Protein backbone atom coordinates (compact mmCIF):
# COMPACT_ATOMS: atom_id res chain seq x y z
CA MET A 1 -47.01 -32.60 -18.30
CA ARG A 2 -44.20 -30.36 -19.60
CA VAL A 3 -42.98 -27.06 -17.93
CA TRP A 4 -41.16 -24.46 -19.41
CA THR A 5 -38.39 -23.06 -17.17
CA ARG A 6 -35.34 -21.01 -17.63
CA VAL A 7 -32.01 -22.75 -17.32
CA HIS A 8 -28.73 -20.55 -15.97
CA GLN A 9 -25.83 -20.67 -18.46
CA PRO A 10 -22.30 -20.47 -17.15
CA ASP A 11 -22.23 -16.90 -18.58
CA GLY A 12 -24.90 -15.70 -16.72
CA SER A 13 -27.55 -15.97 -19.54
CA ARG A 14 -30.84 -17.84 -19.28
CA VAL A 15 -32.38 -20.26 -21.85
CA TRP A 16 -35.86 -21.60 -21.94
CA LYS A 17 -35.95 -25.48 -21.80
CA PRO A 18 -39.04 -28.02 -21.30
CA THR A 19 -38.97 -30.22 -18.52
CA SER A 20 -41.11 -33.18 -17.85
CA SER A 21 -41.89 -36.00 -15.16
CA ASP A 22 -40.64 -35.39 -11.96
CA GLN A 23 -38.11 -32.55 -12.49
CA GLY A 24 -40.82 -30.87 -14.29
CA ASN A 25 -43.32 -31.14 -11.38
CA ILE A 26 -40.67 -30.05 -8.99
CA ALA A 27 -40.10 -26.87 -11.35
CA TRP A 28 -43.82 -26.17 -11.52
CA LEU A 29 -43.95 -26.34 -7.36
CA GLN A 30 -40.90 -24.14 -7.33
CA ASN A 31 -42.41 -21.66 -9.69
CA ALA A 32 -46.03 -21.95 -7.99
CA LEU A 33 -43.98 -20.64 -4.67
CA LEU A 34 -42.50 -17.70 -6.39
CA LEU A 35 -45.45 -16.34 -7.69
CA GLN A 36 -47.05 -13.22 -5.75
CA LEU A 37 -50.66 -13.57 -4.91
CA GLY A 38 -52.63 -12.36 -8.03
CA GLU A 39 -49.56 -12.04 -10.34
CA SER A 40 -50.88 -14.72 -12.91
CA PRO A 41 -53.67 -13.55 -15.09
CA PHE A 42 -54.75 -17.34 -15.53
CA TRP A 43 -54.21 -18.30 -11.82
CA ALA A 44 -55.20 -15.29 -9.58
CA ASP A 45 -55.65 -17.23 -6.17
CA TRP A 46 -52.08 -18.85 -6.48
CA GLY A 47 -49.14 -17.48 -4.93
CA ILE A 48 -47.78 -15.87 -1.57
CA PRO A 49 -48.82 -12.54 -0.58
CA VAL A 50 -45.27 -11.32 -0.23
CA GLN A 51 -45.98 -7.64 0.48
CA GLN A 52 -48.62 -8.28 3.02
CA THR A 53 -46.48 -10.59 4.65
CA LEU A 54 -43.53 -8.12 4.89
CA VAL A 55 -45.89 -5.22 6.28
CA SER A 56 -47.62 -7.38 8.70
CA ARG A 57 -45.12 -9.93 9.77
CA VAL A 58 -47.53 -12.84 9.61
CA TRP A 59 -45.99 -15.46 8.14
CA PRO A 60 -47.67 -16.87 4.77
CA ASP A 61 -48.37 -20.21 6.26
CA TYR A 62 -52.04 -20.50 5.07
CA TYR A 63 -50.99 -19.77 1.30
CA LEU A 64 -48.09 -22.25 1.58
CA ASN A 65 -50.57 -24.80 2.88
CA LEU A 66 -52.97 -24.40 -0.10
CA THR A 67 -50.10 -24.75 -2.54
CA GLN A 68 -49.18 -27.98 -0.79
CA ARG A 69 -52.91 -29.20 -1.22
CA ARG A 70 -52.89 -28.22 -4.78
CA PHE A 71 -49.87 -30.44 -5.30
CA ARG A 72 -50.92 -33.27 -3.13
CA ASP A 73 -52.30 -35.61 -6.18
CA ILE A 74 -48.72 -34.87 -8.06
CA PHE A 75 -46.45 -36.38 -5.42
CA PRO A 76 -47.02 -39.48 -3.09
CA SER A 77 -45.74 -36.81 -0.29
CA LEU A 78 -45.17 -33.31 -0.08
CA GLN A 79 -44.50 -31.49 3.23
CA ILE A 80 -43.91 -27.65 3.39
CA THR A 81 -43.07 -26.78 7.12
CA ARG A 82 -41.91 -23.49 8.58
CA ARG A 83 -38.39 -23.66 10.26
CA ASP A 84 -38.25 -22.11 13.93
CA GLY A 85 -36.30 -18.83 13.59
CA GLY A 86 -37.10 -17.68 16.87
CA ASP A 87 -35.47 -14.33 16.49
CA GLY A 88 -38.29 -12.89 14.50
CA ALA A 89 -36.24 -13.37 11.41
CA ASP A 90 -37.68 -13.88 8.04
CA PRO A 91 -39.54 -17.02 7.69
CA MET A 92 -37.55 -20.28 6.41
CA TYR A 93 -39.20 -23.03 5.08
CA ASP A 94 -38.35 -26.82 4.82
CA ILE A 95 -39.51 -28.73 1.54
CA SER A 96 -39.76 -32.44 1.46
CA ILE A 97 -40.83 -34.33 -1.54
CA LEU A 98 -41.25 -37.86 -1.99
CA LEU A 99 -41.23 -38.61 -5.86
CA ASN A 100 -43.19 -41.30 -7.67
CA ASP A 101 -40.19 -43.73 -7.80
CA GLY A 102 -39.66 -43.46 -4.25
CA THR A 103 -36.70 -40.94 -3.86
CA LEU A 104 -36.79 -38.38 -1.42
CA HIS A 105 -35.92 -34.53 -2.40
CA SER A 106 -35.33 -31.90 0.48
CA SER A 107 -34.70 -28.50 0.35
CA ALA A 108 -31.95 -29.05 2.92
CA ARG A 109 -29.99 -30.95 0.45
CA GLN A 110 -27.38 -29.34 -1.31
CA SER A 111 -27.57 -31.86 -4.19
CA PHE A 112 -31.07 -31.24 -5.22
CA SER A 113 -31.09 -29.95 -8.84
CA GLN A 114 -32.38 -26.36 -8.97
CA ASP A 115 -31.06 -25.89 -12.23
CA TYR A 116 -34.54 -25.84 -13.90
CA SER A 117 -35.79 -23.04 -11.37
CA GLN A 118 -36.03 -19.43 -12.55
CA THR A 119 -33.84 -18.63 -9.24
CA GLY A 120 -30.99 -20.53 -10.23
CA PRO A 121 -28.92 -23.27 -8.74
CA TRP A 122 -28.16 -23.01 -4.85
CA SER A 123 -24.93 -21.70 -3.90
């Protein structure tokens, strides 16, 4: 499958680039997690209800679980778990992905390539 994503350039601009294989699947997952619920005209039931979450302060664990189940056939293992904040702060989630070649990618690793994501590389 080919996924089109925006790649950040050193001058701050972004260009569209096709990705495929594992990097394309990771970009697809990232883009699905960035969607607002009902934002896509084609996939209206995909996304996270960000506004409702901010107002109600009920974390979107259910919608993250739905996203995790949608991607269960693409990755051998995908785990999205909420990190304990304890102080009522914004929710933080850890993402751990086992790719088809056996490598493990985690959201906690600074070397995880997010160049193909619309959010840009991690700082």
